[in-house]
């Protein structure tokens, strides 16, 4: 089923056409999901007016999405599809809250939501020296798995190492885009990186839960690893980050994934590939 997404802008002065992203909406003909910024500090600095109405709009969007609506005054009885109704809004609304015209994606709705959050929304986060984000976790996964493959297979490693758009793992109900996949006709393992050194969106963590559950439902024994960067103790929100880290680690483990620290990735990868007789 095709998923579609739209970015929600705040445009304080439509004549000047200056805008800032405040949320995203992702939908198909069955499900609607929205996500807005957690922190409104950047918005308040950008605005020339009281922005509490934006937070009120976000709440109304969340309520509308629960009822399968793509905006608060949506009318599903109009005979138009969700895409057509949101496209009309994107083209006709000229107030300070605007939508981009919906774009299509072949990925499942949770994958699209995660991508949109990471691509279009910038939440202000406390910055500390040497703090690593989700992209850093992704690089660690790729570097570690590639190194093991190269050690075992030499130049043949490139035949087995898949990342980005090639790292697709089939689940029971959908396919999911992990950071790394080792496969050559037959999939051997997949891995994904998550950083808890920064605040990670709940929707991103929940989406990964769904990926793990769906893949394990199709093949309970398929090796899946989640490589985690635990929170740093010097963070002034360490207790919050650690609580999320512990809860998420337990959730992923209970779903059947191997939850690893970065230094454990090479040993896990070698163990899986040895069991699969990939030498």
C-alpha atoms as a PDB file:
ATOM      1  CA  UNK A   1       0.000   0.000   0.000  1.00  0.00           C
ATOM      2  CA  UNK A   2       1.363   3.409  -0.976  1.00  0.00           C
ATOM      3  CA  UNK A   3       2.150   5.783   1.911  1.00  0.00           C
ATOM      4  CA  UNK A   4       2.034   9.556   1.526  1.00  0.00           C
ATOM      5  CA  UNK A   5       3.467  12.381   3.591  1.00  0.00           C
ATOM      6  CA  UNK A   6       3.201  16.135   3.934  1.00  0.00           C
ATOM      7  CA  UNK A   7       5.285  18.635   5.885  1.00  0.00           C
ATOM      8  CA  UNK A   8       3.443  21.193   8.025  1.00  0.00           C
ATOM      9  CA  UNK A   9       4.873  24.712   7.926  1.00  0.00           C
ATOM     10  CA  UNK A  10       4.428  27.752  10.122  1.00  0.00           C
ATOM     11  CA  UNK A  11       4.404  30.880   7.925  1.00  0.00           C
ATOM     12  CA  UNK A  12       4.077  33.987  10.136  1.00  0.00           C
ATOM     13  CA  UNK A  13       4.039  36.316   7.131  1.00  0.00           C
ATOM     14  CA  UNK A  14       2.590  34.681   3.986  1.00  0.00           C
ATOM     15  CA  UNK A  15       3.637  37.705   1.908  1.00  0.00           C
ATOM     16  CA  UNK A  16       7.300  37.323   2.875  1.00  0.00           C
ATOM     17  CA  UNK A  17       6.898  33.532   2.529  1.00  0.00           C
ATOM     18  CA  UNK A  18       9.346  32.784   5.353  1.00  0.00           C
ATOM     19  CA  UNK A  19       8.557  29.402   6.849  1.00  0.00           C
ATOM     20  CA  UNK A  20       9.702  26.830   9.394  1.00  0.00           C
ATOM     21  CA  UNK A  21       8.742  23.166   9.737  1.00  0.00           C
ATOM     22  CA  UNK A  22       6.613  22.342  12.766  1.00  0.00           C
ATOM     23  CA  UNK A  23       5.218  18.902  11.994  1.00  0.00           C
ATOM     24  CA  UNK A  24       4.683  16.072   9.545  1.00  0.00           C
ATOM     25  CA  UNK A  25       1.687  13.956   8.582  1.00  0.00           C
ATOM     26  CA  UNK A  26       1.962  10.467   7.099  1.00  0.00           C
ATOM     27  CA  UNK A  27      -1.004   8.462   5.863  1.00  0.00           C
ATOM     28  CA  UNK A  28      -2.450   5.795   3.644  1.00  0.00           C
ATOM     29  CA  UNK A  29      -6.108   5.009   3.056  1.00  0.00           C
ATOM     30  CA  UNK A  30      -6.295   3.164   6.400  1.00  0.00           C
ATOM     31  CA  UNK A  31      -4.014   5.011   8.833  1.00  0.00           C
ATOM     32  CA  UNK A  32      -3.085   8.604   9.630  1.00  0.00           C
ATOM     33  CA  UNK A  33      -0.110   9.500  11.847  1.00  0.00           C
ATOM     34  CA  UNK A  34       1.206  12.928  12.772  1.00  0.00           C
ATOM     35  CA  UNK A  35       4.197  14.223  14.665  1.00  0.00           C
ATOM     36  CA  UNK A  36       5.019  17.733  15.862  1.00  0.00           C
ATOM     37  CA  UNK A  37       8.057  19.313  17.468  1.00  0.00           C
ATOM     38  CA  UNK A  38       8.604  18.599  21.162  1.00  0.00           C
ATOM     39  CA  UNK A  39      10.339  21.917  21.743  1.00  0.00           C
ATOM     40  CA  UNK A  40       8.784  25.168  20.512  1.00  0.00           C
ATOM     41  CA  UNK A  41      11.771  27.373  21.414  1.00  0.00           C
ATOM     42  CA  UNK A  42      12.968  27.748  17.831  1.00  0.00           C
ATOM     43  CA  UNK A  43       9.420  28.537  16.734  1.00  0.00           C
ATOM     44  CA  UNK A  44       9.012  31.217  19.407  1.00  0.00           C
ATOM     45  CA  UNK A  45      12.270  32.829  18.316  1.00  0.00           C
ATOM     46  CA  UNK A  46      11.159  32.750  14.677  1.00  0.00           C
ATOM     47  CA  UNK A  47       7.634  34.071  15.289  1.00  0.00           C
ATOM     48  CA  UNK A  48       6.351  37.611  15.618  1.00  0.00           C
ATOM     49  CA  UNK A  49       3.233  36.555  17.550  1.00  0.00           C
ATOM     50  CA  UNK A  50       2.045  34.347  20.386  1.00  0.00           C
ATOM     51  CA  UNK A  51       2.530  30.787  19.132  1.00  0.00           C
ATOM     52  CA  UNK A  52       0.302  28.955  21.585  1.00  0.00           C
ATOM     53  CA  UNK A  53      -2.228  28.545  18.766  1.00  0.00           C
ATOM     54  CA  UNK A  54       0.303  26.306  17.007  1.00  0.00           C
ATOM     55  CA  UNK A  55       0.424  23.946  19.967  1.00  0.00           C
ATOM     56  CA  UNK A  56      -3.369  23.944  20.055  1.00  0.00           C
ATOM     57  CA  UNK A  57      -3.406  23.091  16.350  1.00  0.00           C
ATOM     58  CA  UNK A  58      -0.959  20.238  17.001  1.00  0.00           C
ATOM     59  CA  UNK A  59      -3.300  18.793  19.640  1.00  0.00           C
ATOM     60  CA  UNK A  60      -6.255  19.026  17.255  1.00  0.00           C
ATOM     61  CA  UNK A  61      -4.212  17.332  14.532  1.00  0.00           C
ATOM     62  CA  UNK A  62      -3.378  14.450  16.880  1.00  0.00           C
ATOM     63  CA  UNK A  63      -7.070  14.030  17.736  1.00  0.00           C
ATOM     64  CA  UNK A  64      -8.062  14.204  14.072  1.00  0.00           C
ATOM     65  CA  UNK A  65      -5.478  11.564  13.112  1.00  0.00           C
ATOM     66  CA  UNK A  66      -6.907   9.163  15.691  1.00  0.00           C
ATOM     67  CA  UNK A  67     -10.177   9.354  13.755  1.00  0.00           C
ATOM     68  CA  UNK A  68      -8.486   8.825  10.393  1.00  0.00           C
ATOM     69  CA  UNK A  69      -8.697  12.506   9.409  1.00  0.00           C
ATOM     70  CA  UNK A  70      -5.835  14.353   7.720  1.00  0.00           C
ATOM     71  CA  UNK A  71      -6.681  17.766   9.227  1.00  0.00           C
ATOM     72  CA  UNK A  72      -9.147  18.973  11.897  1.00  0.00           C
ATOM     73  CA  UNK A  73     -11.954  20.070   9.543  1.00  0.00           C
ATOM     74  CA  UNK A  74     -11.470  17.137   7.161  1.00  0.00           C
ATOM     75  CA  UNK A  75     -14.617  15.738   5.557  1.00  0.00           C
ATOM     76  CA  UNK A  76     -14.255  12.068   4.577  1.00  0.00           C
ATOM     77  CA  UNK A  77     -17.803  12.126   3.181  1.00  0.00           C
ATOM     78  CA  UNK A  78     -16.749  14.412   0.335  1.00  0.00           C
ATOM     79  CA  UNK A  79     -16.084  11.485  -1.965  1.00  0.00           C
ATOM     80  CA  UNK A  80     -12.418  12.419  -2.345  1.00  0.00           C
ATOM     81  CA  UNK A  81      -9.415  10.391  -1.201  1.00  0.00           C
ATOM     82  CA  UNK A  82      -7.231  11.555   1.682  1.00  0.00           C
ATOM     83  CA  UNK A  83      -4.597  12.561  -0.847  1.00  0.00           C
ATOM     84  CA  UNK A  84      -7.073  14.699  -2.802  1.00  0.00           C
ATOM     85  CA  UNK A  85      -8.463  16.350   0.321  1.00  0.00           C
ATOM     86  CA  UNK A  86      -5.019  17.234   1.687  1.00  0.00           C
ATOM     87  CA  UNK A  87      -3.836  18.396  -1.737  1.00  0.00           C
ATOM     88  CA  UNK A  88      -6.765  20.844  -1.842  1.00  0.00           C
ATOM     89  CA  UNK A  89      -5.779  22.191   1.560  1.00  0.00           C
ATOM     90  CA  UNK A  90      -2.124  22.480   0.522  1.00  0.00           C
ATOM     91  CA  UNK A  91      -3.119  24.513  -2.522  1.00  0.00           C
ATOM     92  CA  UNK A  92      -5.857  26.675  -1.001  1.00  0.00           C
ATOM     93  CA  UNK A  93      -4.843  27.495   2.581  1.00  0.00           C
ATOM     94  CA  UNK A  94      -3.133  30.875   2.801  1.00  0.00           C
ATOM     95  CA  UNK A  95      -3.013  31.316   6.579  1.00  0.00           C
ATOM     96  CA  UNK A  96       0.027  30.906   8.819  1.00  0.00           C
ATOM     97  CA  UNK A  97      -0.261  27.086   8.978  1.00  0.00           C
ATOM     98  CA  UNK A  98       0.352  25.426   5.620  1.00  0.00           C
ATOM     99  CA  UNK A  99       0.857  21.908   4.258  1.00  0.00           C
ATOM    100  CA  UNK A 100       3.069  20.785   1.408  1.00  0.00           C
ATOM    101  CA  UNK A 101       1.349  18.783  -1.303  1.00  0.00           C
ATOM    102  CA  UNK A 102       1.423  15.070  -0.382  1.00  0.00           C
ATOM    103  CA  UNK A 103       4.274  13.009  -1.770  1.00  0.00           C
ATOM    104  CA  UNK A 104       4.219   9.234  -2.266  1.00  0.00           C
ATOM    105  CA  UNK A 105       6.500   6.559  -0.840  1.00  0.00           C
ATOM    106  CA  UNK A 106       6.599   2.781  -1.290  1.00  0.00           C
ATOM    107  CA  UNK A 107       7.862   2.275   2.269  1.00  0.00           C
ATOM    108  CA  UNK A 108       5.518   1.303   5.099  1.00  0.00           C
ATOM    109  CA  UNK A 109       3.907   4.110   7.053  1.00  0.00           C
ATOM    110  CA  UNK A 110       6.142   3.776  10.138  1.00  0.00           C
ATOM    111  CA  UNK A 111       9.309   3.902   8.038  1.00  0.00           C
ATOM    112  CA  UNK A 112       8.059   7.005   6.249  1.00  0.00           C
ATOM    113  CA  UNK A 113       7.183   8.652   9.562  1.00  0.00           C
ATOM    114  CA  UNK A 114      10.656   7.995  10.957  1.00  0.00           C
ATOM    115  CA  UNK A 115      12.293   9.331   7.801  1.00  0.00           C
ATOM    116  CA  UNK A 116      10.139  12.471   7.851  1.00  0.00           C
ATOM    117  CA  UNK A 117      10.853  13.178  11.508  1.00  0.00           C
ATOM    118  CA  UNK A 118      14.598  12.801  11.012  1.00  0.00           C
ATOM    119  CA  UNK A 119      14.620  14.780   7.756  1.00  0.00           C
ATOM    120  CA  UNK A 120      12.221  17.663   8.344  1.00  0.00           C
ATOM    121  CA  UNK A 121      11.942  18.304  12.089  1.00  0.00           C
ATOM    122  CA  UNK A 122      14.706  19.895  14.133  1.00  0.00           C
ATOM    123  CA  UNK A 123      14.085  19.800  17.855  1.00  0.00           C
ATOM    124  CA  UNK A 124      16.443  21.863  19.958  1.00  0.00           C
ATOM    125  CA  UNK A 125      18.508  19.469  22.057  1.00  0.00           C
ATOM    126  CA  UNK A 126      21.130  20.178  24.698  1.00  0.00           C
ATOM    127  CA  UNK A 127      24.573  19.855  23.160  1.00  0.00           C
ATOM    128  CA  UNK A 128      27.532  18.273  24.946  1.00  0.00           C
ATOM    129  CA  UNK A 129      31.067  17.493  23.782  1.00  0.00           C
ATOM    130  CA  UNK A 130      31.347  14.267  21.807  1.00  0.00           C
ATOM    131  CA  UNK A 131      27.619  13.520  21.876  1.00  0.00           C
ATOM    132  CA  UNK A 132      26.714  11.100  19.078  1.00  0.00           C
ATOM    133  CA  UNK A 133      23.370  11.100  17.321  1.00  0.00           C
ATOM    134  CA  UNK A 134      21.412   8.567  15.285  1.00  0.00           C
ATOM    135  CA  UNK A 135      23.622   9.094  12.219  1.00  0.00           C
ATOM    136  CA  UNK A 136      26.691   8.310  14.316  1.00  0.00           C
ATOM    137  CA  UNK A 137      25.054   5.100  15.518  1.00  0.00           C
ATOM    138  CA  UNK A 138      24.270   4.183  11.910  1.00  0.00           C
ATOM    139  CA  UNK A 139      27.909   4.724  10.878  1.00  0.00           C
ATOM    140  CA  UNK A 140      29.148   2.560  13.757  1.00  0.00           C
ATOM    141  CA  UNK A 141      26.886  -0.312  12.696  1.00  0.00           C
ATOM    142  CA  UNK A 142      27.990  -0.093   9.071  1.00  0.00           C
ATOM    143  CA  UNK A 143      31.706   0.217   9.889  1.00  0.00           C
ATOM    144  CA  UNK A 144      31.694  -2.680  12.367  1.00  0.00           C
ATOM    145  CA  UNK A 145      29.775  -5.139  10.201  1.00  0.00           C
ATOM    146  CA  UNK A 146      31.741  -4.222   7.056  1.00  0.00           C
ATOM    147  CA  UNK A 147      35.048  -4.767   8.891  1.00  0.00           C
ATOM    148  CA  UNK A 148      34.013  -8.262   9.982  1.00  0.00           C
ATOM    149  CA  UNK A 149      32.886  -9.164   6.479  1.00  0.00           C
ATOM    150  CA  UNK A 150      36.116  -7.904   4.955  1.00  0.00           C
ATOM    151  CA  UNK A 151      38.179  -9.896   7.452  1.00  0.00           C
ATOM    152  CA  UNK A 152      36.221 -13.062   6.678  1.00  0.00           C
ATOM    153  CA  UNK A 153      35.610 -12.695   2.948  1.00  0.00           C
ATOM    154  CA  UNK A 154      38.196 -10.264   1.617  1.00  0.00           C
ATOM    155  CA  UNK A 155      37.127  -8.684  -1.666  1.00  0.00           C
ATOM    156  CA  UNK A 156      33.937 -10.781  -1.690  1.00  0.00           C
ATOM    157  CA  UNK A 157      32.633  -8.718   1.226  1.00  0.00           C
ATOM    158  CA  UNK A 158      31.103  -6.174  -1.152  1.00  0.00           C
ATOM    159  CA  UNK A 159      28.828  -8.892  -2.562  1.00  0.00           C
ATOM    160  CA  UNK A 160      27.278  -9.451   0.867  1.00  0.00           C
ATOM    161  CA  UNK A 161      27.290  -6.009   2.473  1.00  0.00           C
ATOM    162  CA  UNK A 162      24.086  -3.993   1.944  1.00  0.00           C
ATOM    163  CA  UNK A 163      23.200  -0.634   3.449  1.00  0.00           C
ATOM    164  CA  UNK A 164      20.772   2.253   2.991  1.00  0.00           C
ATOM    165  CA  UNK A 165      18.180   1.495   0.282  1.00  0.00           C
ATOM    166  CA  UNK A 166      19.595  -2.013  -0.264  1.00  0.00           C
ATOM    167  CA  UNK A 167      19.182  -3.094   3.361  1.00  0.00           C
ATOM    168  CA  UNK A 168      15.567  -4.204   3.046  1.00  0.00           C
ATOM    169  CA  UNK A 169      14.329  -7.029   5.276  1.00  0.00           C
ATOM    170  CA  UNK A 170      11.010  -8.746   4.618  1.00  0.00           C
ATOM    171  CA  UNK A 171       8.592  -9.025   7.499  1.00  0.00           C
ATOM    172  CA  UNK A 172       5.291 -10.854   7.853  1.00  0.00           C
ATOM    173  CA  UNK A 173       3.239  -7.831   6.806  1.00  0.00           C
ATOM    174  CA  UNK A 174       5.725  -5.422   5.256  1.00  0.00           C
ATOM    175  CA  UNK A 175       9.371  -4.794   4.364  1.00  0.00           C
ATOM    176  CA  UNK A 176      11.672  -2.682   6.532  1.00  0.00           C
ATOM    177  CA  UNK A 177      14.779  -0.634   5.829  1.00  0.00           C
ATOM    178  CA  UNK A 178      17.481  -1.457   8.395  1.00  0.00           C
ATOM    179  CA  UNK A 179      20.881   0.232   8.484  1.00  0.00           C
ATOM    180  CA  UNK A 180      22.790  -2.867   7.415  1.00  0.00           C
ATOM    181  CA  UNK A 181      21.922  -6.196   5.850  1.00  0.00           C
ATOM    182  CA  UNK A 182      24.279  -9.083   5.126  1.00  0.00           C
ATOM    183  CA  UNK A 183      22.829 -11.041   2.224  1.00  0.00           C
ATOM    184  CA  UNK A 184      23.666 -12.627  -1.090  1.00  0.00           C
ATOM    185  CA  UNK A 185      20.457 -14.113  -2.407  1.00  0.00           C
ATOM    186  CA  UNK A 186      19.909 -15.339   1.154  1.00  0.00           C
ATOM    187  CA  UNK A 187      19.741 -12.884   4.118  1.00  0.00           C
ATOM    188  CA  UNK A 188      22.106 -13.702   6.980  1.00  0.00           C
ATOM    189  CA  UNK A 189      21.619 -10.839   9.451  1.00  0.00           C
ATOM    190  CA  UNK A 190      20.439  -7.264   9.815  1.00  0.00           C
ATOM    191  CA  UNK A 191      21.399  -4.508  12.246  1.00  0.00           C
ATOM    192  CA  UNK A 192      20.215  -1.021  13.148  1.00  0.00           C
ATOM    193  CA  UNK A 193      21.740   1.729  15.279  1.00  0.00           C
ATOM    194  CA  UNK A 194      20.031   3.874  17.918  1.00  0.00           C
ATOM    195  CA  UNK A 195      21.564   6.675  19.984  1.00  0.00           C
ATOM    196  CA  UNK A 196      20.407   7.459  23.505  1.00  0.00           C
ATOM    197  CA  UNK A 197      23.101  10.088  23.963  1.00  0.00           C
ATOM    198  CA  UNK A 198      20.471  12.472  22.587  1.00  0.00           C
ATOM    199  CA  UNK A 199      16.722  12.516  23.000  1.00  0.00           C
ATOM    200  CA  UNK A 200      15.196  10.175  20.421  1.00  0.00           C
ATOM    201  CA  UNK A 201      11.611  10.557  19.263  1.00  0.00           C
ATOM    202  CA  UNK A 202       9.242   7.968  20.736  1.00  0.00           C
ATOM    203  CA  UNK A 203       7.790   7.387  17.272  1.00  0.00           C
ATOM    204  CA  UNK A 204      11.238   6.419  15.993  1.00  0.00           C
ATOM    205  CA  UNK A 205      11.738   3.897  18.800  1.00  0.00           C
ATOM    206  CA  UNK A 206       8.209   2.519  18.366  1.00  0.00           C
ATOM    207  CA  UNK A 207       8.710   2.142  14.614  1.00  0.00           C
ATOM    208  CA  UNK A 208      11.781  -0.006  15.216  1.00  0.00           C
ATOM    209  CA  UNK A 209       9.758  -2.145  17.646  1.00  0.00           C
ATOM    210  CA  UNK A 210       7.261  -2.774  14.876  1.00  0.00           C
ATOM    211  CA  UNK A 211      10.038  -3.670  12.406  1.00  0.00           C
ATOM    212  CA  UNK A 212      11.538  -6.197  14.822  1.00  0.00           C
ATOM    213  CA  UNK A 213       8.181  -7.726  15.682  1.00  0.00           C
ATOM    214  CA  UNK A 214       7.157  -8.005  12.020  1.00  0.00           C
ATOM    215  CA  UNK A 215      10.448  -9.567  10.886  1.00  0.00           C
ATOM    216  CA  UNK A 216      10.447 -12.011  13.791  1.00  0.00           C
ATOM    217  CA  UNK A 217       6.849 -12.983  13.038  1.00  0.00           C
ATOM    218  CA  UNK A 218       7.961 -14.016   9.545  1.00  0.00           C
ATOM    219  CA  UNK A 219      11.140 -15.750  10.716  1.00  0.00           C
ATOM    220  CA  UNK A 220      11.612 -16.078  14.466  1.00  0.00           C
ATOM    221  CA  UNK A 221      15.235 -17.192  14.129  1.00  0.00           C
ATOM    222  CA  UNK A 222      16.430 -14.430  11.796  1.00  0.00           C
ATOM    223  CA  UNK A 223      19.387 -12.632  13.489  1.00  0.00           C
ATOM    224  CA  UNK A 224      18.542  -9.001  14.213  1.00  0.00           C
ATOM    225  CA  UNK A 225      20.722  -6.638  16.244  1.00  0.00           C
ATOM    226  CA  UNK A 226      20.020  -3.189  17.630  1.00  0.00           C
ATOM    227  CA  UNK A 227      23.272  -1.380  18.378  1.00  0.00           C
ATOM    228  CA  UNK A 228      22.776   1.180  21.142  1.00  0.00           C
ATOM    229  CA  UNK A 229      24.773   4.193  22.274  1.00  0.00           C
ATOM    230  CA  UNK A 230      23.795   4.558  25.956  1.00  0.00           C
ATOM    231  CA  UNK A 231      23.274   8.035  27.464  1.00  0.00           C
ATOM    232  CA  UNK A 232      26.253   9.936  28.820  1.00  0.00           C
ATOM    233  CA  UNK A 233      26.278  10.506  32.554  1.00  0.00           C
ATOM    234  CA  UNK A 234      27.315  14.175  32.176  1.00  0.00           C
ATOM    235  CA  UNK A 235      24.027  15.017  30.451  1.00  0.00           C
ATOM    236  CA  UNK A 236      21.700  17.106  32.618  1.00  0.00           C
ATOM    237  CA  UNK A 237      18.814  14.932  31.355  1.00  0.00           C
ATOM    238  CA  UNK A 238      20.689  11.683  32.000  1.00  0.00           C
ATOM    239  CA  UNK A 239      17.961  10.171  34.204  1.00  0.00           C
ATOM    240  CA  UNK A 240      15.329  10.710  31.495  1.00  0.00           C
ATOM    241  CA  UNK A 241      17.563   9.345  28.763  1.00  0.00           C
ATOM    242  CA  UNK A 242      18.576   6.329  30.853  1.00  0.00           C
ATOM    243  CA  UNK A 243      14.967   5.492  31.697  1.00  0.00           C
ATOM    244  CA  UNK A 244      14.104   5.524  27.985  1.00  0.00           C
ATOM    245  CA  UNK A 245      17.229   3.492  27.199  1.00  0.00           C
ATOM    246  CA  UNK A 246      16.421   0.769  29.743  1.00  0.00           C
ATOM    247  CA  UNK A 247      12.778   0.525  28.710  1.00  0.00           C
ATOM    248  CA  UNK A 248      13.620   0.391  25.002  1.00  0.00           C
ATOM    249  CA  UNK A 249      16.420  -2.131  25.515  1.00  0.00           C
ATOM    250  CA  UNK A 250      14.032  -4.444  27.377  1.00  0.00           C
ATOM    251  CA  UNK A 251      11.344  -4.016  24.712  1.00  0.00           C
ATOM    252  CA  UNK A 252      13.658  -4.870  21.823  1.00  0.00           C
ATOM    253  CA  UNK A 253      15.122  -7.841  23.716  1.00  0.00           C
ATOM    254  CA  UNK A 254      11.672  -9.217  24.495  1.00  0.00           C
ATOM    255  CA  UNK A 255      10.753  -8.920  20.828  1.00  0.00           C
ATOM    256  CA  UNK A 256      13.704 -11.124  19.933  1.00  0.00           C
ATOM    257  CA  UNK A 257      16.433  -8.689  18.885  1.00  0.00           C
ATOM    258  CA  UNK A 258      20.006  -8.818  20.173  1.00  0.00           C
ATOM    259  CA  UNK A 259      20.593  -5.452  21.857  1.00  0.00           C
ATOM    260  CA  UNK A 260      24.301  -4.672  21.692  1.00  0.00           C
ATOM    261  CA  UNK A 261      26.820  -2.081  22.733  1.00  0.00           C
ATOM    262  CA  UNK A 262      29.111  -0.909  19.943  1.00  0.00           C
ATOM    263  CA  UNK A 263      32.058  -2.973  21.165  1.00  0.00           C
ATOM    264  CA  UNK A 264      29.915  -6.139  21.029  1.00  0.00           C
ATOM    265  CA  UNK A 265      29.034  -5.834  17.328  1.00  0.00           C
ATOM    266  CA  UNK A 266      32.098  -7.627  15.863  1.00  0.00           C
ATOM    267  CA  UNK A 267      31.715 -10.683  18.120  1.00  0.00           C
ATOM    268  CA  UNK A 268      27.969 -10.936  17.434  1.00  0.00           C
ATOM    269  CA  UNK A 269      28.485 -10.592  13.682  1.00  0.00           C
ATOM    270  CA  UNK A 270      31.216 -13.248  13.670  1.00  0.00           C
ATOM    271  CA  UNK A 271      29.081 -15.600  15.750  1.00  0.00           C
ATOM    272  CA  UNK A 272      26.102 -15.286  13.397  1.00  0.00           C
ATOM    273  CA  UNK A 273      28.198 -15.720  10.243  1.00  0.00           C
ATOM    274  CA  UNK A 274      30.082 -18.692  11.705  1.00  0.00           C
ATOM    275  CA  UNK A 275      26.792 -20.406  12.522  1.00  0.00           C
ATOM    276  CA  UNK A 276      25.669 -19.740   8.954  1.00  0.00           C
ATOM    277  CA  UNK A 277      28.950 -21.198   7.621  1.00  0.00           C
ATOM    278  CA  UNK A 278      29.735 -17.982   5.784  1.00  0.00           C
ATOM    279  CA  UNK A 279      33.509 -18.042   5.438  1.00  0.00           C
END
